[in-house]
């Protein structure tokens, strides 16, 4: 999947995903909302997401046992050579959708919070991290024209919000 990093204008009604302790932090994969998947409990969506790139059960278990989401992410990098899901691919996007869906299914408060975001734009703000790695794929950064980046994390949250709103009508 090409990383075209489009520019989109600010709308004023934005929820930013930056740090877990800030207002939009509950939308982060790093937030402390455990999820259960295939009979196992994962401390965060980030750990599950990283493990879903692998088939090796031992490697997945090493990631699952990490106590923090950042540690899980860093440990997952050790297994880059055996990944079966290419980062930033359609399969990676499907895995992210799965992780967010599980998070919403298993945390009613998050469903309510998401529903109350109305039509706000949801953006993973990677401005402080810059345009390296996957930042402009999963998120976006502020530029003079507004935002630059594909913002897939924000887009998936907005997709889930629409599904939730349709289901609750």
N, C-alpha and C. Protein backbone atom coordinates (compact mmCIF):
# COMPACT_ATOMS: atom_id res chain seq x y z
N UNK A 1 0.85 -1.17 0.00
CA UNK A 1 0.00 0.00 0.00
C UNK A 1 0.90 1.24 0.00
N UNK A 2 0.70 2.15 -0.96
CA UNK A 2 1.56 3.34 -1.03
C UNK A 2 1.30 4.30 0.12
N UNK A 3 2.35 4.97 0.54
CA UNK A 3 2.25 5.95 1.61
C UNK A 3 2.25 7.33 0.97
N UNK A 4 1.06 7.83 0.61
CA UNK A 4 0.95 9.08 -0.13
C UNK A 4 0.90 10.31 0.76
N UNK A 5 0.62 10.14 2.03
CA UNK A 5 0.61 11.23 3.01
C UNK A 5 -0.12 12.47 2.52
N UNK A 6 -1.44 12.36 2.29
CA UNK A 6 -2.19 13.52 1.84
C UNK A 6 -2.26 14.61 2.91
N UNK A 7 -2.54 15.82 2.48
CA UNK A 7 -2.73 16.94 3.38
C UNK A 7 -4.23 17.18 3.53
N UNK A 8 -4.71 17.34 4.75
CA UNK A 8 -6.11 17.68 4.95
C UNK A 8 -6.19 18.83 5.94
N UNK A 9 -7.18 19.67 5.73
CA UNK A 9 -7.32 20.90 6.50
C UNK A 9 -7.92 20.63 7.88
N UNK A 10 -7.55 21.44 8.86
CA UNK A 10 -8.16 21.30 10.19
C UNK A 10 -9.63 21.71 10.13
N UNK A 11 -10.43 21.08 10.98
CA UNK A 11 -11.85 21.39 11.02
C UNK A 11 -12.26 22.04 12.33
N UNK A 12 -11.35 22.13 13.27
CA UNK A 12 -11.69 22.72 14.55
C UNK A 12 -12.23 21.72 15.54
N UNK A 13 -12.97 20.73 15.08
CA UNK A 13 -13.55 19.72 15.94
C UNK A 13 -12.70 18.45 15.81
N UNK A 14 -11.59 18.43 16.54
CA UNK A 14 -10.63 17.34 16.40
C UNK A 14 -10.32 16.70 17.75
N UNK A 15 -10.20 15.39 17.72
CA UNK A 15 -9.75 14.65 18.89
C UNK A 15 -8.37 14.11 18.52
N UNK A 16 -7.38 14.48 19.31
CA UNK A 16 -6.01 14.07 19.01
C UNK A 16 -5.59 12.90 19.87
N UNK A 17 -4.99 11.91 19.22
CA UNK A 17 -4.42 10.76 19.92
C UNK A 17 -2.93 11.07 20.04
N UNK A 18 -2.50 11.34 21.26
CA UNK A 18 -1.08 11.63 21.50
C UNK A 18 -0.60 10.72 22.62
N UNK A 19 -0.68 11.19 23.83
CA UNK A 19 -0.24 10.42 24.99
C UNK A 19 -1.46 9.84 25.71
N UNK A 20 -1.28 8.67 26.28
CA UNK A 20 -2.37 7.96 26.94
C UNK A 20 -3.03 8.80 28.02
N UNK A 21 -2.26 9.61 28.74
CA UNK A 21 -2.82 10.38 29.87
C UNK A 21 -3.55 11.64 29.43
N UNK A 22 -3.48 11.98 28.15
CA UNK A 22 -4.18 13.17 27.64
C UNK A 22 -5.59 12.79 27.21
N UNK A 23 -6.48 13.77 26.98
CA UNK A 23 -7.89 13.47 26.73
C UNK A 23 -8.19 12.42 25.65
N UNK A 24 -7.47 12.38 24.54
CA UNK A 24 -7.73 11.39 23.50
C UNK A 24 -6.96 10.10 23.68
N UNK A 25 -6.30 9.95 24.83
CA UNK A 25 -5.44 8.79 25.06
C UNK A 25 -6.15 7.45 25.07
N UNK A 26 -7.42 7.44 25.39
CA UNK A 26 -8.18 6.19 25.40
C UNK A 26 -8.27 5.57 24.00
N UNK A 27 -8.05 6.37 22.96
CA UNK A 27 -8.07 5.89 21.58
C UNK A 27 -6.75 5.24 21.17
N UNK A 28 -5.73 5.41 21.96
CA UNK A 28 -4.40 4.89 21.65
C UNK A 28 -4.34 3.37 21.86
N UNK A 29 -3.56 2.70 21.04
CA UNK A 29 -3.31 1.28 21.24
C UNK A 29 -2.54 1.03 22.53
N UNK A 30 -1.94 2.08 23.05
CA UNK A 30 -1.15 1.97 24.27
C UNK A 30 -2.00 2.11 25.54
N UNK A 31 -3.26 2.45 25.38
CA UNK A 31 -4.11 2.68 26.56
C UNK A 31 -4.29 1.38 27.35
N UNK A 32 -4.48 1.49 28.66
CA UNK A 32 -4.56 0.30 29.52
C UNK A 32 -5.94 -0.36 29.49
N UNK A 33 -6.36 -0.77 28.30
CA UNK A 33 -7.63 -1.46 28.14
C UNK A 33 -7.33 -2.86 27.61
N UNK A 34 -7.29 -3.85 28.50
CA UNK A 34 -6.97 -5.21 28.05
C UNK A 34 -8.05 -5.75 27.11
N UNK A 35 -7.64 -6.66 26.25
CA UNK A 35 -8.57 -7.33 25.35
C UNK A 35 -8.31 -8.83 25.40
N UNK A 36 -9.36 -9.58 25.19
CA UNK A 36 -9.25 -11.04 25.10
C UNK A 36 -9.40 -11.42 23.64
N UNK A 37 -8.54 -12.34 23.22
CA UNK A 37 -8.56 -12.81 21.84
C UNK A 37 -8.10 -14.26 21.82
N UNK A 38 -8.92 -15.09 21.21
CA UNK A 38 -8.64 -16.52 21.09
C UNK A 38 -8.24 -17.14 22.44
N UNK A 39 -9.02 -16.79 23.46
CA UNK A 39 -8.83 -17.38 24.77
C UNK A 39 -7.69 -16.83 25.61
N UNK A 40 -7.03 -15.78 25.12
CA UNK A 40 -5.92 -15.19 25.87
C UNK A 40 -6.21 -13.72 26.14
N UNK A 41 -5.73 -13.27 27.29
CA UNK A 41 -5.87 -11.87 27.67
C UNK A 41 -4.60 -11.12 27.28
N UNK A 42 -4.80 -10.01 26.60
CA UNK A 42 -3.70 -9.14 26.17
C UNK A 42 -3.83 -7.85 26.96
N UNK A 43 -2.74 -7.36 27.52
CA UNK A 43 -2.79 -6.16 28.37
C UNK A 43 -3.22 -4.93 27.59
N UNK A 44 -2.85 -4.87 26.32
CA UNK A 44 -3.19 -3.71 25.48
C UNK A 44 -3.42 -4.17 24.05
N UNK A 45 -4.09 -3.31 23.30
CA UNK A 45 -4.25 -3.55 21.87
C UNK A 45 -2.91 -3.55 21.16
N UNK A 46 -1.98 -2.75 21.63
CA UNK A 46 -0.67 -2.68 20.99
C UNK A 46 0.03 -4.04 21.01
N UNK A 47 -0.01 -4.72 22.14
CA UNK A 47 0.63 -6.03 22.24
C UNK A 47 -0.03 -7.01 21.28
N UNK A 48 -1.35 -7.04 21.26
CA UNK A 48 -2.06 -7.94 20.35
C UNK A 48 -1.75 -7.59 18.90
N UNK A 49 -1.80 -6.32 18.57
CA UNK A 49 -1.53 -5.89 17.20
C UNK A 49 -0.14 -6.34 16.74
N UNK A 50 0.85 -6.15 17.58
CA UNK A 50 2.20 -6.57 17.22
C UNK A 50 2.27 -8.08 17.03
N UNK A 51 1.63 -8.82 17.90
CA UNK A 51 1.65 -10.29 17.82
C UNK A 51 0.92 -10.81 16.58
N UNK A 52 -0.10 -10.10 16.14
CA UNK A 52 -0.86 -10.54 14.98
C UNK A 52 -0.04 -10.52 13.68
N UNK A 53 1.09 -9.87 13.72
CA UNK A 53 1.98 -9.88 12.55
C UNK A 53 2.78 -11.17 12.44
N UNK A 54 2.65 -12.05 13.43
CA UNK A 54 3.46 -13.27 13.52
C UNK A 54 2.59 -14.51 13.50
N UNK A 55 3.18 -15.63 13.10
CA UNK A 55 2.52 -16.93 13.24
C UNK A 55 3.13 -17.73 14.38
N UNK A 56 4.37 -17.48 14.72
CA UNK A 56 5.10 -18.22 15.73
C UNK A 56 4.47 -18.00 17.11
N UNK A 57 3.91 -19.06 17.68
CA UNK A 57 3.19 -18.95 18.95
C UNK A 57 4.11 -18.58 20.11
N UNK A 58 5.33 -19.07 20.09
CA UNK A 58 6.27 -18.73 21.16
C UNK A 58 6.60 -17.24 21.14
N UNK A 59 6.81 -16.69 19.95
CA UNK A 59 7.10 -15.26 19.82
C UNK A 59 5.90 -14.43 20.26
N UNK A 60 4.70 -14.87 19.87
CA UNK A 60 3.48 -14.15 20.30
C UNK A 60 3.38 -14.12 21.82
N UNK A 61 3.71 -15.24 22.43
CA UNK A 61 3.60 -15.33 23.89
C UNK A 61 4.61 -14.42 24.58
N UNK A 62 5.79 -14.30 24.03
CA UNK A 62 6.80 -13.39 24.58
C UNK A 62 6.25 -11.96 24.55
N UNK A 63 5.64 -11.58 23.44
CA UNK A 63 5.05 -10.24 23.31
C UNK A 63 3.90 -10.07 24.30
N UNK A 64 3.04 -11.08 24.39
CA UNK A 64 1.85 -10.99 25.26
C UNK A 64 2.24 -10.81 26.72
N UNK A 65 3.33 -11.40 27.14
CA UNK A 65 3.73 -11.35 28.54
C UNK A 65 4.38 -10.03 28.96
N UNK A 66 4.71 -9.18 28.01
CA UNK A 66 5.34 -7.90 28.36
C UNK A 66 4.37 -7.06 29.19
N UNK A 67 4.90 -6.36 30.17
CA UNK A 67 4.05 -5.62 31.10
C UNK A 67 3.60 -4.26 30.58
N UNK A 68 4.29 -3.71 29.61
CA UNK A 68 3.87 -2.41 29.07
C UNK A 68 3.71 -2.49 27.56
N UNK A 69 2.86 -1.64 27.00
CA UNK A 69 2.66 -1.66 25.56
C UNK A 69 3.91 -1.30 24.77
N UNK A 70 4.70 -0.36 25.28
CA UNK A 70 5.93 0.01 24.58
C UNK A 70 6.93 -1.13 24.61
N UNK A 71 7.01 -1.83 25.74
CA UNK A 71 7.90 -2.99 25.82
C UNK A 71 7.46 -4.07 24.84
N UNK A 72 6.16 -4.28 24.72
CA UNK A 72 5.64 -5.27 23.76
C UNK A 72 6.03 -4.87 22.33
N UNK A 73 5.92 -3.60 22.04
CA UNK A 73 6.29 -3.11 20.71
C UNK A 73 7.78 -3.30 20.44
N UNK A 74 8.59 -2.99 21.42
CA UNK A 74 10.04 -3.14 21.25
C UNK A 74 10.45 -4.62 21.12
N UNK A 75 9.82 -5.48 21.91
CA UNK A 75 10.12 -6.92 21.82
C UNK A 75 9.69 -7.44 20.44
N UNK A 76 8.55 -6.98 19.95
CA UNK A 76 8.07 -7.42 18.63
C UNK A 76 9.08 -7.10 17.53
N UNK A 77 9.82 -6.02 17.69
CA UNK A 77 10.83 -5.67 16.68
C UNK A 77 11.90 -6.74 16.56
N UNK A 78 12.15 -7.47 17.63
CA UNK A 78 13.13 -8.56 17.59
C UNK A 78 12.69 -9.67 16.64
N UNK A 79 11.39 -9.75 16.40
CA UNK A 79 10.84 -10.82 15.56
C UNK A 79 10.52 -10.35 14.14
N UNK A 80 11.03 -9.20 13.76
CA UNK A 80 10.74 -8.63 12.45
C UNK A 80 11.05 -9.62 11.32
N UNK A 81 12.10 -10.40 11.46
CA UNK A 81 12.50 -11.34 10.43
C UNK A 81 11.53 -12.48 10.20
N UNK A 82 10.62 -12.72 11.15
CA UNK A 82 9.66 -13.81 10.97
C UNK A 82 8.22 -13.30 10.85
N UNK A 83 8.06 -12.01 10.62
CA UNK A 83 6.72 -11.47 10.43
C UNK A 83 6.09 -12.07 9.17
N UNK A 84 4.82 -12.39 9.26
CA UNK A 84 4.09 -12.87 8.10
C UNK A 84 3.13 -11.81 7.57
N UNK A 85 2.91 -10.78 8.36
CA UNK A 85 2.09 -9.64 7.93
C UNK A 85 3.01 -8.45 7.74
N UNK A 86 3.01 -7.93 6.53
CA UNK A 86 3.85 -6.77 6.23
C UNK A 86 3.27 -5.53 6.89
N UNK A 87 4.10 -4.80 7.64
CA UNK A 87 3.60 -3.55 8.23
C UNK A 87 3.06 -2.60 7.15
N UNK A 88 1.98 -1.92 7.50
CA UNK A 88 1.33 -0.92 6.65
C UNK A 88 0.71 -1.54 5.39
N UNK A 89 0.33 -2.80 5.46
CA UNK A 89 -0.32 -3.49 4.35
C UNK A 89 -1.83 -3.59 4.63
N UNK A 90 -2.55 -4.12 3.67
CA UNK A 90 -3.99 -4.36 3.88
C UNK A 90 -4.22 -5.30 5.06
N UNK A 91 -3.38 -6.33 5.17
CA UNK A 91 -3.51 -7.27 6.30
C UNK A 91 -3.24 -6.57 7.63
N UNK A 92 -2.29 -5.65 7.65
CA UNK A 92 -1.99 -4.88 8.86
C UNK A 92 -3.20 -4.01 9.23
N UNK A 93 -3.80 -3.40 8.24
CA UNK A 93 -5.00 -2.59 8.49
C UNK A 93 -6.13 -3.46 9.03
N UNK A 94 -6.29 -4.66 8.48
CA UNK A 94 -7.33 -5.58 8.97
C UNK A 94 -7.06 -5.95 10.42
N UNK A 95 -5.80 -6.17 10.76
CA UNK A 95 -5.46 -6.49 12.15
C UNK A 95 -5.75 -5.31 13.08
N UNK A 96 -5.48 -4.10 12.62
CA UNK A 96 -5.79 -2.93 13.45
C UNK A 96 -7.30 -2.81 13.66
N UNK A 97 -8.05 -3.05 12.59
CA UNK A 97 -9.51 -3.02 12.74
C UNK A 97 -9.97 -4.05 13.76
N UNK A 98 -9.40 -5.24 13.71
CA UNK A 98 -9.74 -6.29 14.67
C UNK A 98 -9.43 -5.83 16.09
N UNK A 99 -8.25 -5.28 16.31
CA UNK A 99 -7.86 -4.85 17.66
C UNK A 99 -8.79 -3.78 18.20
N UNK A 100 -9.11 -2.80 17.38
CA UNK A 100 -10.00 -1.72 17.83
C UNK A 100 -11.41 -2.25 18.06
N UNK A 101 -11.84 -3.15 17.20
CA UNK A 101 -13.17 -3.75 17.37
C UNK A 101 -13.25 -4.51 18.69
N UNK A 102 -12.22 -5.30 19.00
CA UNK A 102 -12.20 -6.03 20.27
C UNK A 102 -12.21 -5.07 21.46
N UNK A 103 -11.44 -4.02 21.36
CA UNK A 103 -11.37 -3.02 22.43
C UNK A 103 -12.76 -2.43 22.68
N UNK A 104 -13.45 -2.11 21.62
CA UNK A 104 -14.79 -1.54 21.77
C UNK A 104 -15.80 -2.56 22.29
N UNK A 105 -15.74 -3.78 21.76
CA UNK A 105 -16.67 -4.83 22.20
C UNK A 105 -16.53 -5.11 23.69
N UNK A 106 -15.30 -5.04 24.18
CA UNK A 106 -15.02 -5.47 25.54
C UNK A 106 -14.98 -4.35 26.57
N UNK A 107 -15.19 -3.12 26.11
CA UNK A 107 -15.16 -1.98 27.03
C UNK A 107 -16.32 -1.04 26.71
N UNK A 108 -17.41 -1.24 27.43
CA UNK A 108 -18.63 -0.48 27.17
C UNK A 108 -18.41 1.03 27.33
N UNK A 109 -17.61 1.43 28.30
CA UNK A 109 -17.33 2.85 28.49
C UNK A 109 -16.70 3.46 27.24
N UNK A 110 -15.83 2.72 26.57
CA UNK A 110 -15.20 3.23 25.36
C UNK A 110 -16.21 3.36 24.22
N UNK A 111 -17.16 2.44 24.15
CA UNK A 111 -18.23 2.57 23.15
C UNK A 111 -19.01 3.86 23.38
N UNK A 112 -19.34 4.12 24.65
CA UNK A 112 -20.08 5.34 24.97
C UNK A 112 -19.26 6.59 24.64
N UNK A 113 -17.97 6.56 25.02
CA UNK A 113 -17.11 7.71 24.73
C UNK A 113 -17.00 7.95 23.23
N UNK A 114 -16.81 6.88 22.47
CA UNK A 114 -16.70 7.03 21.02
C UNK A 114 -17.99 7.57 20.43
N UNK A 115 -19.10 7.08 20.90
CA UNK A 115 -20.39 7.55 20.40
C UNK A 115 -20.58 9.05 20.68
N UNK A 116 -20.03 9.51 21.81
CA UNK A 116 -20.17 10.92 22.17
C UNK A 116 -19.19 11.84 21.44
N UNK A 117 -18.32 11.28 20.60
CA UNK A 117 -17.41 12.14 19.84
C UNK A 117 -18.11 12.79 18.66
N UNK A 118 -19.36 12.41 18.41
CA UNK A 118 -20.13 13.02 17.33
C UNK A 118 -19.47 12.80 15.98
N UNK A 119 -19.16 13.91 15.32
CA UNK A 119 -18.52 13.80 14.01
C UNK A 119 -17.10 14.39 14.03
N UNK A 120 -16.52 14.46 15.22
CA UNK A 120 -15.17 15.02 15.34
C UNK A 120 -14.17 14.22 14.53
N UNK A 121 -13.22 14.91 13.95
CA UNK A 121 -12.12 14.25 13.26
C UNK A 121 -11.22 13.63 14.33
N UNK A 122 -10.80 12.40 14.12
CA UNK A 122 -9.92 11.71 15.05
C UNK A 122 -8.57 11.57 14.37
N UNK A 123 -7.54 12.09 15.03
CA UNK A 123 -6.21 12.13 14.41
C UNK A 123 -5.17 11.61 15.39
N UNK A 124 -4.37 10.65 14.92
CA UNK A 124 -3.20 10.28 15.71
C UNK A 124 -2.15 11.35 15.38
N UNK A 125 -1.91 12.22 16.34
CA UNK A 125 -1.00 13.35 16.14
C UNK A 125 0.44 12.91 16.38
N UNK A 126 1.18 12.75 15.29
CA UNK A 126 2.58 12.33 15.40
C UNK A 126 3.52 13.51 15.14
N UNK A 127 3.02 14.72 15.30
CA UNK A 127 3.82 15.91 15.02
C UNK A 127 5.13 15.92 15.80
N UNK A 128 5.10 15.51 17.05
CA UNK A 128 6.32 15.54 17.86
C UNK A 128 7.31 14.45 17.47
N UNK A 129 6.83 13.42 16.78
CA UNK A 129 7.71 12.31 16.38
C UNK A 129 8.27 12.48 14.97
N UNK A 130 7.65 13.35 14.18
CA UNK A 130 8.14 13.62 12.82
C UNK A 130 7.71 12.58 11.81
N UNK A 131 8.13 12.79 10.56
CA UNK A 131 7.66 11.95 9.45
C UNK A 131 8.46 10.68 9.22
N UNK A 132 8.95 10.05 10.25
CA UNK A 132 9.76 8.85 10.06
C UNK A 132 8.92 7.59 10.30
N UNK A 133 9.45 6.47 9.81
CA UNK A 133 8.81 5.18 10.02
C UNK A 133 7.37 5.17 9.52
N UNK A 134 6.51 4.64 10.35
CA UNK A 134 5.09 4.51 9.97
C UNK A 134 4.24 5.68 10.47
N UNK A 135 4.87 6.72 10.98
CA UNK A 135 4.11 7.83 11.58
C UNK A 135 3.07 8.42 10.63
N UNK A 136 3.44 8.67 9.38
CA UNK A 136 2.50 9.30 8.45
C UNK A 136 1.55 8.29 7.81
N UNK A 137 1.73 7.03 8.13
CA UNK A 137 0.76 6.01 7.71
C UNK A 137 -0.34 5.91 8.76
N UNK A 138 0.05 5.63 10.01
CA UNK A 138 -0.94 5.49 11.08
C UNK A 138 -1.47 6.83 11.56
N UNK A 139 -0.68 7.88 11.46
CA UNK A 139 -1.08 9.17 11.98
C UNK A 139 -0.87 10.29 10.98
N UNK A 140 -0.76 11.49 11.52
CA UNK A 140 -0.55 12.70 10.72
C UNK A 140 0.20 13.71 11.57
N UNK A 141 0.80 14.66 10.90
CA UNK A 141 1.50 15.71 11.62
C UNK A 141 1.02 17.07 11.11
N UNK A 142 1.06 18.03 12.02
CA UNK A 142 0.64 19.39 11.66
C UNK A 142 1.63 19.99 10.66
N UNK A 143 1.05 20.61 9.64
CA UNK A 143 1.81 21.38 8.66
C UNK A 143 1.05 22.69 8.48
N UNK A 144 1.66 23.69 7.85
CA UNK A 144 0.96 24.97 7.71
C UNK A 144 -0.43 24.86 7.08
N UNK A 145 -0.62 23.89 6.20
CA UNK A 145 -1.92 23.74 5.52
C UNK A 145 -2.94 22.98 6.34
N UNK A 146 -2.54 22.41 7.46
CA UNK A 146 -3.45 21.61 8.29
C UNK A 146 -2.76 20.38 8.83
N UNK A 147 -3.05 19.23 8.24
CA UNK A 147 -2.48 17.95 8.65
C UNK A 147 -1.94 17.23 7.44
N UNK A 148 -0.83 16.52 7.60
CA UNK A 148 -0.28 15.71 6.54
C UNK A 148 -0.10 14.29 7.06
N UNK A 149 -0.62 13.34 6.33
CA UNK A 149 -0.49 11.95 6.72
C UNK A 149 -1.74 11.18 6.36
N UNK A 150 -1.63 9.88 6.31
CA UNK A 150 -2.78 9.04 5.97
C UNK A 150 -3.73 8.85 7.15
N UNK A 151 -3.21 8.94 8.37
CA UNK A 151 -4.03 8.88 9.57
C UNK A 151 -4.92 7.64 9.64
N UNK A 152 -4.35 6.48 9.34
CA UNK A 152 -5.17 5.27 9.34
C UNK A 152 -5.74 4.95 10.72
N UNK A 153 -5.02 5.20 11.77
CA UNK A 153 -5.58 4.91 13.09
C UNK A 153 -6.84 5.75 13.32
N UNK A 154 -6.76 7.02 13.04
CA UNK A 154 -7.93 7.88 13.18
C UNK A 154 -9.06 7.48 12.25
N UNK A 155 -8.72 7.12 11.03
CA UNK A 155 -9.75 6.70 10.06
C UNK A 155 -10.47 5.45 10.51
N UNK A 156 -9.72 4.49 11.07
CA UNK A 156 -10.35 3.25 11.54
C UNK A 156 -11.28 3.54 12.72
N UNK A 157 -10.85 4.41 13.63
CA UNK A 157 -11.72 4.79 14.75
C UNK A 157 -13.00 5.44 14.21
N UNK A 158 -12.88 6.26 13.19
CA UNK A 158 -14.08 6.90 12.62
C UNK A 158 -14.98 5.86 11.95
N UNK A 159 -14.39 4.86 11.29
CA UNK A 159 -15.18 3.77 10.70
C UNK A 159 -15.97 3.05 11.80
N UNK A 160 -15.28 2.76 12.89
CA UNK A 160 -15.92 2.06 14.01
C UNK A 160 -17.03 2.91 14.62
N UNK A 161 -16.81 4.22 14.66
CA UNK A 161 -17.84 5.12 15.20
C UNK A 161 -19.10 5.06 14.34
N UNK A 162 -18.93 5.07 13.03
CA UNK A 162 -20.09 4.99 12.14
C UNK A 162 -20.83 3.67 12.36
N UNK A 163 -20.09 2.56 12.45
CA UNK A 163 -20.71 1.26 12.70
C UNK A 163 -21.47 1.26 14.03
N UNK A 164 -20.88 1.86 15.04
CA UNK A 164 -21.51 1.94 16.36
C UNK A 164 -22.78 2.78 16.30
N UNK A 165 -22.70 3.92 15.63
CA UNK A 165 -23.86 4.80 15.53
C UNK A 165 -25.00 4.14 14.77
N UNK A 166 -24.69 3.40 13.72
CA UNK A 166 -25.70 2.69 12.95
C UNK A 166 -26.34 1.59 13.81
N UNK A 167 -25.52 0.87 14.57
CA UNK A 167 -26.01 -0.22 15.40
C UNK A 167 -26.89 0.26 16.55
N UNK A 168 -26.67 1.49 17.02
CA UNK A 168 -27.43 1.99 18.18
C UNK A 168 -28.66 2.79 17.77
N UNK A 169 -28.92 2.90 16.50
CA UNK A 169 -30.13 3.64 16.05
C UNK A 169 -31.34 2.77 16.04
